[in-house]
N, C-alpha and C. Protein backbone atom coordinates (compact mmCIF):
# COMPACT_ATOMS: atom_id res chain seq x y z
N MET A 1 37.87 8.85 -9.30
CA MET A 1 37.59 8.67 -10.75
C MET A 1 38.10 9.87 -11.53
N ASN A 2 38.64 9.58 -12.68
CA ASN A 2 39.08 10.70 -13.50
C ASN A 2 38.00 11.08 -14.51
N THR A 3 38.23 12.12 -15.24
CA THR A 3 37.24 12.68 -16.15
C THR A 3 36.81 11.71 -17.20
N THR A 4 37.73 10.94 -17.79
CA THR A 4 37.35 10.05 -18.83
C THR A 4 36.47 8.90 -18.35
N GLN A 5 36.66 8.43 -17.11
CA GLN A 5 35.77 7.41 -16.55
C GLN A 5 34.37 8.00 -16.35
N ASP A 6 34.27 9.21 -15.85
CA ASP A 6 32.96 9.85 -15.65
C ASP A 6 32.24 9.98 -17.01
N GLU A 7 32.99 10.40 -18.00
CA GLU A 7 32.36 10.57 -19.32
C GLU A 7 31.86 9.23 -19.86
N LYS A 8 32.63 8.13 -19.62
CA LYS A 8 32.21 6.79 -20.09
C LYS A 8 30.91 6.39 -19.43
N ILE A 9 30.78 6.64 -18.10
CA ILE A 9 29.58 6.28 -17.38
C ILE A 9 28.39 7.08 -17.90
N GLN A 10 28.59 8.38 -18.09
CA GLN A 10 27.53 9.21 -18.60
C GLN A 10 27.09 8.76 -19.98
N ASP A 11 28.06 8.41 -20.84
CA ASP A 11 27.70 7.96 -22.17
C ASP A 11 26.95 6.63 -22.14
N ARG A 12 27.28 5.80 -21.14
CA ARG A 12 26.66 4.49 -21.08
C ARG A 12 25.21 4.53 -20.70
N PHE A 13 24.80 5.53 -19.88
CA PHE A 13 23.47 5.60 -19.36
C PHE A 13 22.81 6.95 -19.65
N LYS A 14 22.48 7.18 -20.86
CA LYS A 14 21.73 8.41 -21.19
C LYS A 14 20.25 8.08 -21.09
N LEU A 15 19.48 9.02 -20.59
CA LEU A 15 18.05 8.77 -20.35
C LEU A 15 17.30 8.53 -21.69
N SER A 16 17.86 9.01 -22.76
CA SER A 16 17.22 8.80 -24.06
C SER A 16 17.56 7.46 -24.69
N MET A 17 18.42 6.69 -24.06
CA MET A 17 18.86 5.41 -24.54
C MET A 17 17.69 4.43 -24.51
N PRO A 18 17.47 3.65 -25.61
CA PRO A 18 16.40 2.63 -25.58
C PRO A 18 16.63 1.59 -24.47
N VAL A 19 15.54 1.12 -23.86
CA VAL A 19 15.66 0.14 -22.80
C VAL A 19 16.28 -1.18 -23.24
N GLN A 20 16.19 -1.46 -24.51
CA GLN A 20 16.74 -2.68 -25.09
C GLN A 20 18.21 -2.87 -24.72
N PHE A 21 18.92 -1.75 -24.57
CA PHE A 21 20.36 -1.83 -24.35
C PHE A 21 20.74 -1.91 -22.88
N LEU A 22 19.80 -1.94 -21.98
CA LEU A 22 20.07 -2.18 -20.58
C LEU A 22 20.41 -3.63 -20.40
N LYS A 23 21.36 -3.91 -19.48
CA LYS A 23 21.75 -5.29 -19.23
C LYS A 23 20.55 -6.08 -18.74
N GLY A 24 20.33 -7.24 -19.37
CA GLY A 24 19.23 -8.12 -19.00
C GLY A 24 17.92 -7.84 -19.68
N VAL A 25 17.84 -6.83 -20.53
CA VAL A 25 16.59 -6.53 -21.22
C VAL A 25 16.57 -7.20 -22.59
N GLY A 26 17.35 -6.71 -23.54
CA GLY A 26 17.37 -7.32 -24.84
C GLY A 26 16.15 -7.00 -25.69
N PRO A 27 16.13 -7.47 -26.93
CA PRO A 27 15.05 -7.14 -27.86
C PRO A 27 13.68 -7.75 -27.47
N ALA A 28 13.66 -8.96 -26.93
CA ALA A 28 12.40 -9.59 -26.58
C ALA A 28 11.68 -8.85 -25.45
N LYS A 29 12.40 -8.58 -24.39
CA LYS A 29 11.80 -7.82 -23.28
C LYS A 29 11.52 -6.39 -23.68
N ALA A 30 12.30 -5.84 -24.57
CA ALA A 30 12.03 -4.46 -25.05
C ALA A 30 10.65 -4.33 -25.72
N LYS A 31 10.26 -5.44 -26.41
CA LYS A 31 8.92 -5.48 -27.04
C LYS A 31 7.84 -5.44 -25.97
N ILE A 32 8.04 -6.14 -24.88
CA ILE A 32 7.04 -6.13 -23.79
C ILE A 32 6.98 -4.73 -23.17
N PHE A 33 8.17 -4.14 -22.94
CA PHE A 33 8.18 -2.75 -22.44
C PHE A 33 7.48 -1.80 -23.41
N ASP A 34 7.67 -2.02 -24.67
CA ASP A 34 7.06 -1.13 -25.67
C ASP A 34 5.54 -1.14 -25.60
N LYS A 35 4.96 -2.34 -25.30
CA LYS A 35 3.52 -2.43 -25.13
C LYS A 35 3.02 -1.60 -23.96
N LEU A 36 3.89 -1.38 -22.97
CA LEU A 36 3.56 -0.55 -21.81
C LEU A 36 3.86 0.91 -22.05
N GLY A 37 4.38 1.25 -23.24
CA GLY A 37 4.72 2.61 -23.52
C GLY A 37 6.10 3.01 -23.05
N ILE A 38 6.93 2.06 -22.73
CA ILE A 38 8.27 2.27 -22.22
C ILE A 38 9.27 2.01 -23.34
N GLU A 39 9.85 3.09 -23.86
CA GLU A 39 10.81 2.93 -24.94
C GLU A 39 12.25 3.31 -24.51
N THR A 40 12.35 4.24 -23.57
CA THR A 40 13.69 4.73 -23.18
C THR A 40 13.88 4.53 -21.67
N ILE A 41 15.11 4.71 -21.20
CA ILE A 41 15.40 4.62 -19.75
C ILE A 41 14.57 5.67 -19.00
N ALA A 42 14.39 6.85 -19.55
CA ALA A 42 13.59 7.87 -18.90
C ALA A 42 12.16 7.40 -18.74
N ASP A 43 11.61 6.74 -19.76
CA ASP A 43 10.22 6.18 -19.65
C ASP A 43 10.17 5.14 -18.54
N LEU A 44 11.19 4.33 -18.43
CA LEU A 44 11.20 3.30 -17.38
C LEU A 44 11.24 3.91 -15.99
N LEU A 45 12.04 4.94 -15.79
CA LEU A 45 12.12 5.60 -14.49
C LEU A 45 10.86 6.31 -14.08
N GLU A 46 10.05 6.74 -15.06
CA GLU A 46 8.82 7.43 -14.75
C GLU A 46 7.57 6.55 -14.79
N TYR A 47 7.77 5.25 -14.98
CA TYR A 47 6.67 4.29 -15.07
C TYR A 47 6.19 3.90 -13.69
N PHE A 48 4.88 4.00 -13.47
CA PHE A 48 4.23 3.49 -12.27
C PHE A 48 3.33 2.39 -12.69
N PRO A 49 3.33 1.25 -11.97
CA PRO A 49 2.38 0.18 -12.33
C PRO A 49 0.94 0.66 -12.31
N ARG A 50 0.04 0.02 -13.04
CA ARG A 50 -1.34 0.49 -13.17
C ARG A 50 -2.07 0.47 -11.85
N ASN A 51 -1.64 -0.40 -10.91
CA ASN A 51 -2.38 -0.47 -9.67
C ASN A 51 -1.69 0.35 -8.57
N TRP A 52 -0.73 1.18 -8.93
CA TRP A 52 -0.08 2.05 -7.99
C TRP A 52 -1.07 3.12 -7.56
N VAL A 53 -1.36 3.14 -6.28
CA VAL A 53 -2.33 4.10 -5.79
C VAL A 53 -1.75 4.84 -4.63
N PHE A 54 -1.91 6.15 -4.68
CA PHE A 54 -1.49 6.97 -3.58
C PHE A 54 -2.68 7.08 -2.64
N ALA A 55 -2.44 6.73 -1.36
CA ALA A 55 -3.54 6.72 -0.38
C ALA A 55 -4.01 8.11 -0.16
N PRO A 56 -5.34 8.30 0.00
CA PRO A 56 -5.86 9.63 0.28
C PRO A 56 -5.40 10.11 1.70
N GLN A 57 -5.56 11.38 1.94
CA GLN A 57 -5.24 11.94 3.23
C GLN A 57 -6.12 11.29 4.28
N PRO A 58 -5.54 11.01 5.48
CA PRO A 58 -6.33 10.41 6.57
C PRO A 58 -7.49 11.31 6.96
N ILE A 59 -8.63 10.64 7.27
CA ILE A 59 -9.80 11.38 7.74
C ILE A 59 -10.30 10.70 9.02
N LYS A 60 -11.23 11.30 9.72
CA LYS A 60 -11.84 10.73 10.91
C LYS A 60 -12.90 9.72 10.50
N ILE A 61 -13.11 8.72 11.35
CA ILE A 61 -14.13 7.67 11.02
C ILE A 61 -15.49 8.28 10.77
N LYS A 62 -15.84 9.31 11.49
CA LYS A 62 -17.16 9.99 11.30
C LYS A 62 -17.31 10.56 9.89
N GLN A 63 -16.20 10.89 9.25
CA GLN A 63 -16.25 11.48 7.90
C GLN A 63 -16.31 10.44 6.77
N ILE A 64 -16.22 9.16 7.10
CA ILE A 64 -16.22 8.13 6.06
C ILE A 64 -17.55 8.06 5.35
N LYS A 65 -17.48 7.98 4.03
CA LYS A 65 -18.68 7.82 3.19
C LYS A 65 -18.52 6.48 2.46
N PRO A 66 -19.56 5.65 2.45
CA PRO A 66 -19.49 4.35 1.78
C PRO A 66 -19.13 4.53 0.28
N ASP A 67 -18.49 3.49 -0.25
CA ASP A 67 -18.10 3.42 -1.68
C ASP A 67 -17.04 4.43 -2.05
N ARG A 68 -16.26 4.85 -1.07
CA ARG A 68 -15.09 5.76 -1.34
C ARG A 68 -13.85 5.16 -0.83
N ASP A 69 -12.75 5.48 -1.47
CA ASP A 69 -11.42 5.09 -0.94
C ASP A 69 -11.07 6.03 0.18
N VAL A 70 -10.68 5.45 1.34
CA VAL A 70 -10.39 6.29 2.52
C VAL A 70 -9.13 5.78 3.19
N THR A 71 -8.53 6.69 3.98
CA THR A 71 -7.44 6.37 4.89
C THR A 71 -7.83 6.85 6.23
N ILE A 72 -7.67 5.99 7.25
CA ILE A 72 -7.99 6.38 8.62
C ILE A 72 -6.82 5.96 9.51
N ILE A 73 -6.65 6.69 10.61
CA ILE A 73 -5.72 6.29 11.67
C ILE A 73 -6.58 6.03 12.92
N ALA A 74 -6.47 4.84 13.47
CA ALA A 74 -7.34 4.45 14.55
C ALA A 74 -6.64 3.49 15.50
N LEU A 75 -7.27 3.31 16.65
CA LEU A 75 -6.79 2.42 17.69
C LEU A 75 -7.52 1.07 17.53
N ILE A 76 -6.77 -0.01 17.61
CA ILE A 76 -7.39 -1.35 17.56
C ILE A 76 -8.01 -1.64 18.92
N GLU A 77 -9.34 -1.81 18.94
CA GLU A 77 -10.06 -2.03 20.19
C GLU A 77 -10.36 -3.54 20.42
N ALA A 78 -10.51 -4.31 19.37
CA ALA A 78 -10.77 -5.75 19.49
C ALA A 78 -10.37 -6.44 18.22
N THR A 79 -9.99 -7.74 18.35
CA THR A 79 -9.70 -8.54 17.21
C THR A 79 -10.32 -9.90 17.40
N ASP A 80 -10.59 -10.60 16.28
CA ASP A 80 -11.20 -11.90 16.34
C ASP A 80 -10.83 -12.66 15.04
N LEU A 81 -10.44 -13.90 15.22
CA LEU A 81 -10.16 -14.77 14.09
C LEU A 81 -11.32 -15.73 13.95
N MET A 82 -12.01 -15.71 12.84
CA MET A 82 -13.13 -16.59 12.62
C MET A 82 -12.64 -17.69 11.66
N ASN A 83 -11.97 -18.69 12.20
CA ASN A 83 -11.40 -19.72 11.36
C ASN A 83 -12.35 -20.91 11.16
N PHE A 84 -13.54 -20.82 11.69
CA PHE A 84 -14.53 -21.86 11.45
C PHE A 84 -15.18 -21.61 10.08
N ARG A 85 -14.93 -20.44 9.51
CA ARG A 85 -15.47 -20.11 8.16
C ARG A 85 -14.42 -20.40 7.13
N LYS A 86 -14.86 -20.63 5.97
CA LYS A 86 -13.95 -20.82 4.82
C LYS A 86 -14.23 -19.74 3.83
N PRO A 87 -13.32 -18.88 3.53
CA PRO A 87 -11.97 -18.77 4.13
C PRO A 87 -12.03 -18.14 5.50
N ALA A 88 -10.96 -18.34 6.26
CA ALA A 88 -10.83 -17.73 7.58
C ALA A 88 -10.89 -16.22 7.45
N ILE A 89 -11.57 -15.59 8.38
CA ILE A 89 -11.72 -14.12 8.37
C ILE A 89 -11.12 -13.56 9.65
N PHE A 90 -10.24 -12.58 9.48
CA PHE A 90 -9.71 -11.86 10.64
C PHE A 90 -10.43 -10.54 10.77
N GLU A 91 -11.00 -10.25 11.89
CA GLU A 91 -11.77 -9.02 12.10
C GLU A 91 -11.12 -8.16 13.16
N ALA A 92 -11.06 -6.85 12.92
CA ALA A 92 -10.60 -5.93 13.92
C ALA A 92 -11.66 -4.81 14.05
N MET A 93 -11.90 -4.40 15.24
CA MET A 93 -12.74 -3.22 15.47
C MET A 93 -11.76 -2.08 15.83
N VAL A 94 -11.88 -1.01 15.05
CA VAL A 94 -10.98 0.13 15.32
C VAL A 94 -11.82 1.37 15.63
N ALA A 95 -11.21 2.31 16.38
CA ALA A 95 -11.93 3.49 16.75
C ALA A 95 -10.98 4.70 16.80
N ASP A 96 -11.57 5.83 16.52
CA ASP A 96 -10.85 7.10 16.83
C ASP A 96 -11.81 7.90 17.72
N ASP A 97 -11.53 9.15 17.93
CA ASP A 97 -12.38 9.96 18.83
C ASP A 97 -13.74 10.31 18.25
N THR A 98 -14.01 9.85 16.99
CA THR A 98 -15.29 10.18 16.39
C THR A 98 -16.18 8.97 16.09
N GLY A 99 -15.63 7.78 16.14
CA GLY A 99 -16.48 6.62 15.85
C GLY A 99 -15.73 5.30 15.83
N LEU A 100 -16.46 4.28 15.34
CA LEU A 100 -16.00 2.90 15.34
C LEU A 100 -16.13 2.37 13.87
N CYS A 101 -15.20 1.51 13.49
CA CYS A 101 -15.28 0.94 12.14
C CYS A 101 -14.82 -0.55 12.22
N ARG A 102 -15.52 -1.39 11.46
CA ARG A 102 -15.15 -2.81 11.42
C ARG A 102 -14.20 -3.01 10.22
N ILE A 103 -13.13 -3.77 10.47
CA ILE A 103 -12.15 -4.08 9.44
C ILE A 103 -12.11 -5.58 9.29
N ILE A 104 -12.19 -6.08 8.07
CA ILE A 104 -12.08 -7.54 7.88
C ILE A 104 -11.08 -7.84 6.78
N TRP A 105 -10.41 -8.94 6.98
CA TRP A 105 -9.49 -9.50 5.97
C TRP A 105 -9.87 -10.93 5.72
N PHE A 106 -10.18 -11.30 4.49
CA PHE A 106 -10.40 -12.70 4.12
C PHE A 106 -9.02 -13.35 4.04
N HIS A 107 -8.92 -14.60 4.39
CA HIS A 107 -7.64 -15.33 4.40
C HIS A 107 -6.68 -14.59 5.35
N GLY A 108 -7.16 -14.04 6.46
CA GLY A 108 -6.36 -13.15 7.30
C GLY A 108 -5.81 -13.78 8.58
N SER A 109 -5.73 -15.11 8.65
CA SER A 109 -5.27 -15.74 9.88
C SER A 109 -3.86 -15.32 10.24
N TYR A 110 -3.03 -15.01 9.26
CA TYR A 110 -1.67 -14.58 9.53
C TYR A 110 -1.63 -13.24 10.33
N LEU A 111 -2.69 -12.47 10.29
CA LEU A 111 -2.72 -11.20 10.97
C LEU A 111 -2.88 -11.31 12.50
N GLN A 112 -3.29 -12.49 12.96
CA GLN A 112 -3.54 -12.69 14.38
C GLN A 112 -2.26 -12.39 15.21
N LYS A 113 -1.11 -12.64 14.65
CA LYS A 113 0.13 -12.39 15.35
C LYS A 113 0.67 -10.98 15.08
N GLN A 114 0.14 -10.30 14.07
CA GLN A 114 0.66 -8.96 13.72
C GLN A 114 -0.09 -7.82 14.33
N LEU A 115 -1.43 -7.97 14.47
CA LEU A 115 -2.26 -6.88 14.91
C LEU A 115 -2.77 -7.15 16.33
N ASN A 116 -2.47 -6.23 17.25
CA ASN A 116 -2.84 -6.41 18.68
C ASN A 116 -3.71 -5.27 19.19
N VAL A 117 -4.60 -5.62 20.11
CA VAL A 117 -5.43 -4.66 20.77
C VAL A 117 -4.51 -3.56 21.40
N GLY A 118 -4.89 -2.30 21.22
CA GLY A 118 -4.11 -1.20 21.81
C GLY A 118 -3.11 -0.57 20.87
N GLU A 119 -2.89 -1.17 19.69
CA GLU A 119 -1.98 -0.60 18.70
C GLU A 119 -2.71 0.45 17.85
N VAL A 120 -1.96 1.44 17.43
CA VAL A 120 -2.49 2.44 16.51
C VAL A 120 -2.12 1.97 15.10
N ILE A 121 -3.08 2.05 14.21
CA ILE A 121 -2.90 1.53 12.84
C ILE A 121 -3.44 2.52 11.82
N MET A 122 -2.76 2.62 10.69
CA MET A 122 -3.26 3.40 9.57
C MET A 122 -3.78 2.42 8.55
N LEU A 123 -5.02 2.60 8.11
CA LEU A 123 -5.68 1.71 7.15
C LEU A 123 -6.10 2.45 5.93
N SER A 124 -5.99 1.84 4.79
CA SER A 124 -6.39 2.48 3.53
C SER A 124 -7.09 1.46 2.64
N GLY A 125 -8.31 1.83 2.24
CA GLY A 125 -9.08 0.94 1.40
C GLY A 125 -10.44 1.48 1.10
N LYS A 126 -11.29 0.67 0.46
CA LYS A 126 -12.60 1.11 0.09
C LYS A 126 -13.61 0.88 1.24
N ALA A 127 -14.32 1.90 1.59
CA ALA A 127 -15.32 1.81 2.67
C ALA A 127 -16.63 1.29 2.12
N SER A 128 -17.35 0.58 3.00
CA SER A 128 -18.70 0.12 2.64
C SER A 128 -19.53 0.04 3.89
N LEU A 129 -20.83 -0.19 3.67
CA LEU A 129 -21.73 -0.43 4.78
C LEU A 129 -22.11 -1.92 4.74
N TYR A 130 -21.96 -2.59 5.87
CA TYR A 130 -22.39 -3.98 5.97
C TYR A 130 -23.23 -4.11 7.20
N LYS A 131 -24.49 -4.48 7.03
CA LYS A 131 -25.47 -4.55 8.15
C LYS A 131 -25.50 -3.22 8.92
N HIS A 132 -25.55 -2.14 8.18
CA HIS A 132 -25.63 -0.79 8.74
C HIS A 132 -24.40 -0.38 9.51
N GLN A 133 -23.23 -1.01 9.27
CA GLN A 133 -22.02 -0.64 9.99
C GLN A 133 -20.91 -0.35 8.99
N LEU A 134 -20.11 0.69 9.27
CA LEU A 134 -19.00 0.99 8.40
C LEU A 134 -18.00 -0.16 8.41
N GLN A 135 -17.44 -0.43 7.22
CA GLN A 135 -16.50 -1.53 7.13
C GLN A 135 -15.48 -1.25 6.05
N LEU A 136 -14.23 -1.64 6.31
CA LEU A 136 -13.16 -1.68 5.29
C LEU A 136 -12.87 -3.17 5.09
N THR A 137 -12.82 -3.63 3.84
CA THR A 137 -12.52 -5.03 3.55
C THR A 137 -11.17 -5.13 2.86
N ASN A 138 -10.30 -5.98 3.45
CA ASN A 138 -8.96 -6.21 2.94
C ASN A 138 -8.18 -4.92 2.68
N PRO A 139 -8.15 -3.98 3.66
CA PRO A 139 -7.42 -2.76 3.42
C PRO A 139 -5.93 -2.97 3.58
N LYS A 140 -5.16 -2.04 2.99
CA LYS A 140 -3.73 -2.02 3.22
C LYS A 140 -3.55 -1.37 4.59
N PHE A 141 -2.53 -1.71 5.32
CA PHE A 141 -2.34 -1.15 6.64
C PHE A 141 -0.92 -0.96 7.01
N MET A 142 -0.70 -0.11 7.99
CA MET A 142 0.64 0.13 8.56
C MET A 142 0.44 0.38 10.05
N ILE A 143 1.19 -0.38 10.86
CA ILE A 143 1.14 -0.19 12.30
C ILE A 143 1.97 1.06 12.60
N ILE A 144 1.43 1.93 13.45
CA ILE A 144 2.16 3.16 13.82
C ILE A 144 2.56 3.01 15.26
N LYS A 145 3.85 3.01 15.46
CA LYS A 145 4.41 2.87 16.82
C LYS A 145 4.52 4.22 17.47
N LEU A 146 4.06 4.30 18.69
CA LEU A 146 4.16 5.58 19.44
C LEU A 146 5.42 5.59 20.27
N SER A 147 6.20 6.65 20.18
CA SER A 147 7.42 6.78 20.95
C SER A 147 7.40 8.21 21.53
N GLY A 148 7.12 8.29 22.83
CA GLY A 148 6.93 9.62 23.42
C GLY A 148 5.77 10.30 22.79
N HIS A 149 6.01 11.47 22.25
CA HIS A 149 4.98 12.24 21.57
C HIS A 149 5.12 12.16 20.06
N PHE A 150 5.97 11.29 19.57
CA PHE A 150 6.21 11.20 18.15
C PHE A 150 5.64 9.90 17.58
N LEU A 151 5.17 9.94 16.36
CA LEU A 151 4.70 8.77 15.66
C LEU A 151 5.87 8.19 14.85
N ILE A 152 6.09 6.92 14.97
CA ILE A 152 7.08 6.26 14.17
C ILE A 152 6.35 5.22 13.33
N ARG A 153 6.42 5.38 12.03
CA ARG A 153 5.70 4.46 11.17
C ARG A 153 6.53 3.19 11.01
N GLY A 154 5.83 2.08 11.03
CA GLY A 154 6.52 0.80 10.92
C GLY A 154 5.50 -0.29 10.61
N LYS A 155 6.00 -1.51 10.45
CA LYS A 155 5.08 -2.60 10.20
C LYS A 155 5.25 -3.64 11.23
């Protein structure tokens, strides 16, 4: 590329440029963006959806306090699909070296093929007590694959 082409590209995409002039946006969509506080390309690049949540640092099961958002890394010790209930509930019992926690997903029958006993999993969600037992309901999760002494995150 020569200098004039670089200058044209830079002129075309200045961060202070209104989003209306991005291809595919136009005046109607620009009004929607404006309601979200997005007026320029810079605003759009720095926008995070309202439900964007950064998971807290992982803690041990023993440290979980009810009614708090938590992240844990644990071993799946047992799974069960309760499809006689409506909706079907998938349950996993997970443990680390400090304790045991019940995990449930409503409408979770699809998880029966994804989550297996013996896998290490990272879970993030709101903790609660159900029948005097720690529980996470519908948490986000990531299966962590072990390779030698290294953790490889994956799904």
